[in-house]
Amino acid sequence: MEMRMMPTFSTVVTVIGLLAMWGVVMLVLYLGLHDRPAGWQQLQRQLDALWERMNDEYGGNPPIK
C-alpha cells in the first residue's frame, strides 16, 4: 500500500489565506498607484528632502543608535 503525502486541512487553509492576503495587497497597491503617479512623485520628493536634511544634520549617513 503506497503512502502519498496529503496536505493537512490547516496547511491548505494557511496557503489559501496567504494567497488571498497577497492578492488583496496587490489589488490595493494597483488601485492606489496605477492612475496617480503624482502622489508617488510627491512621496519620492518628501523622502529625498528627508534624506537631504539628515545628511545636512548628521554630516553623512544617519547615526545608528
C-alpha atoms as a PDB file:
ATOM      1  CA  MET A   1       0.000   0.000   0.000  1.00  0.00           C
ATOM      2  CA  GLU A   2       1.605   3.259  -1.075  1.00  0.00           C
ATOM      3  CA  MET A   3       1.518   6.317   1.154  1.00  0.00           C
ATOM      4  CA  ARG A   4       1.020   9.628  -0.599  1.00  0.00           C
ATOM      5  CA  MET A   5       1.754  12.919   1.117  1.00  0.00           C
ATOM      6  CA  MET A   6      -1.598  14.615   1.542  1.00  0.00           C
ATOM      7  CA  PRO A   7      -1.548  18.168   2.910  1.00  0.00           C
ATOM      8  CA  THR A   8      -3.489  18.632   6.121  1.00  0.00           C
ATOM      9  CA  PHE A   9      -6.571  20.815   6.279  1.00  0.00           C
ATOM     10  CA  SER A  10      -4.762  23.545   8.218  1.00  0.00           C
ATOM     11  CA  THR A  11      -1.955  23.645   5.637  1.00  0.00           C
ATOM     12  CA  VAL A  12      -4.464  24.090   2.819  1.00  0.00           C
ATOM     13  CA  VAL A  13      -6.293  26.842   4.738  1.00  0.00           C
ATOM     14  CA  THR A  14      -2.993  28.607   5.510  1.00  0.00           C
ATOM     15  CA  VAL A  15      -1.835  28.534   1.878  1.00  0.00           C
ATOM     16  CA  ILE A  16      -5.197  29.789   0.608  1.00  0.00           C
ATOM     17  CA  GLY A  17      -5.182  32.537   3.262  1.00  0.00           C
ATOM     18  CA  LEU A  18      -1.675  33.667   2.330  1.00  0.00           C
ATOM     19  CA  LEU A  19      -2.567  33.743  -1.362  1.00  0.00           C
ATOM     20  CA  ALA A  20      -5.714  35.737  -0.595  1.00  0.00           C
ATOM     21  CA  MET A  21      -3.790  38.277   1.517  1.00  0.00           C
ATOM     22  CA  TRP A  22      -1.160  38.631  -1.212  1.00  0.00           C
ATOM     23  CA  GLY A  23      -3.923  39.208  -3.752  1.00  0.00           C
ATOM     24  CA  VAL A  24      -5.536  41.882  -1.578  1.00  0.00           C
ATOM     25  CA  VAL A  25      -2.190  43.663  -1.112  1.00  0.00           C
ATOM     26  CA  MET A  26      -1.521  43.608  -4.860  1.00  0.00           C
ATOM     27  CA  LEU A  27      -5.033  44.924  -5.579  1.00  0.00           C
ATOM     28  CA  VAL A  28      -4.661  47.769  -3.073  1.00  0.00           C
ATOM     29  CA  LEU A  29      -1.255  48.728  -4.485  1.00  0.00           C
ATOM     30  CA  TYR A  30      -2.591  48.611  -8.048  1.00  0.00           C
ATOM     31  CA  LEU A  31      -5.661  50.693  -7.258  1.00  0.00           C
ATOM     32  CA  GLY A  32      -3.618  53.149  -5.208  1.00  0.00           C
ATOM     33  CA  LEU A  33      -0.745  53.666  -7.646  1.00  0.00           C
ATOM     34  CA  HIS A  34      -1.738  52.829 -11.221  1.00  0.00           C
ATOM     35  CA  ASP A  35      -3.515  56.083 -12.026  1.00  0.00           C
ATOM     36  CA  ARG A  36      -1.852  58.541  -9.661  1.00  0.00           C
ATOM     37  CA  PRO A  37       1.856  58.965 -10.400  1.00  0.00           C
ATOM     38  CA  ALA A  38       1.701  62.490  -8.929  1.00  0.00           C
ATOM     39  CA  GLY A  39       1.174  61.141  -5.411  1.00  0.00           C
ATOM     40  CA  TRP A  40       4.044  58.704  -5.902  1.00  0.00           C
ATOM     41  CA  GLN A  41       6.334  61.531  -7.086  1.00  0.00           C
ATOM     42  CA  GLN A  42       5.323  63.657  -4.095  1.00  0.00           C
ATOM     43  CA  LEU A  43       6.256  60.813  -1.738  1.00  0.00           C
ATOM     44  CA  GLN A  44       9.592  60.454  -3.528  1.00  0.00           C
ATOM     45  CA  ARG A  45      10.251  64.190  -3.170  1.00  0.00           C
ATOM     46  CA  GLN A  46       9.443  64.033   0.550  1.00  0.00           C
ATOM     47  CA  LEU A  47      11.827  61.109   1.017  1.00  0.00           C
ATOM     48  CA  ASP A  48      14.554  62.953  -0.906  1.00  0.00           C
ATOM     49  CA  ALA A  49      14.043  66.070   1.230  1.00  0.00           C
ATOM     50  CA  LEU A  50      14.190  63.997   4.421  1.00  0.00           C
ATOM     51  CA  TRP A  51      17.405  62.331   3.250  1.00  0.00           C
ATOM     52  CA  GLU A  52      18.975  65.721   2.418  1.00  0.00           C
ATOM     53  CA  ARG A  53      18.006  67.053   5.835  1.00  0.00           C
ATOM     54  CA  MET A  54      19.561  64.024   7.532  1.00  0.00           C
ATOM     55  CA  ASN A  55      22.740  64.489   5.504  1.00  0.00           C
ATOM     56  CA  ASP A  56      22.913  68.173   6.468  1.00  0.00           C
ATOM     57  CA  GLU A  57      22.175  67.474  10.120  1.00  0.00           C
ATOM     58  CA  TYR A  58      24.433  64.492  10.717  1.00  0.00           C
ATOM     59  CA  GLY A  59      27.070  65.003   8.055  1.00  0.00           C
ATOM     60  CA  GLY A  60      26.565  61.798   6.117  1.00  0.00           C
ATOM     61  CA  ASN A  61      24.574  58.723   6.966  1.00  0.00           C
ATOM     62  CA  PRO A  62      22.275  58.938   9.988  1.00  0.00           C
ATOM     63  CA  PRO A  63      23.853  57.529  13.144  1.00  0.00           C
ATOM     64  CA  ILE A  64      22.981  54.030  14.304  1.00  0.00           C
ATOM     65  CA  LYS A  65      21.903  54.130  17.921  1.00  0.00           C
END
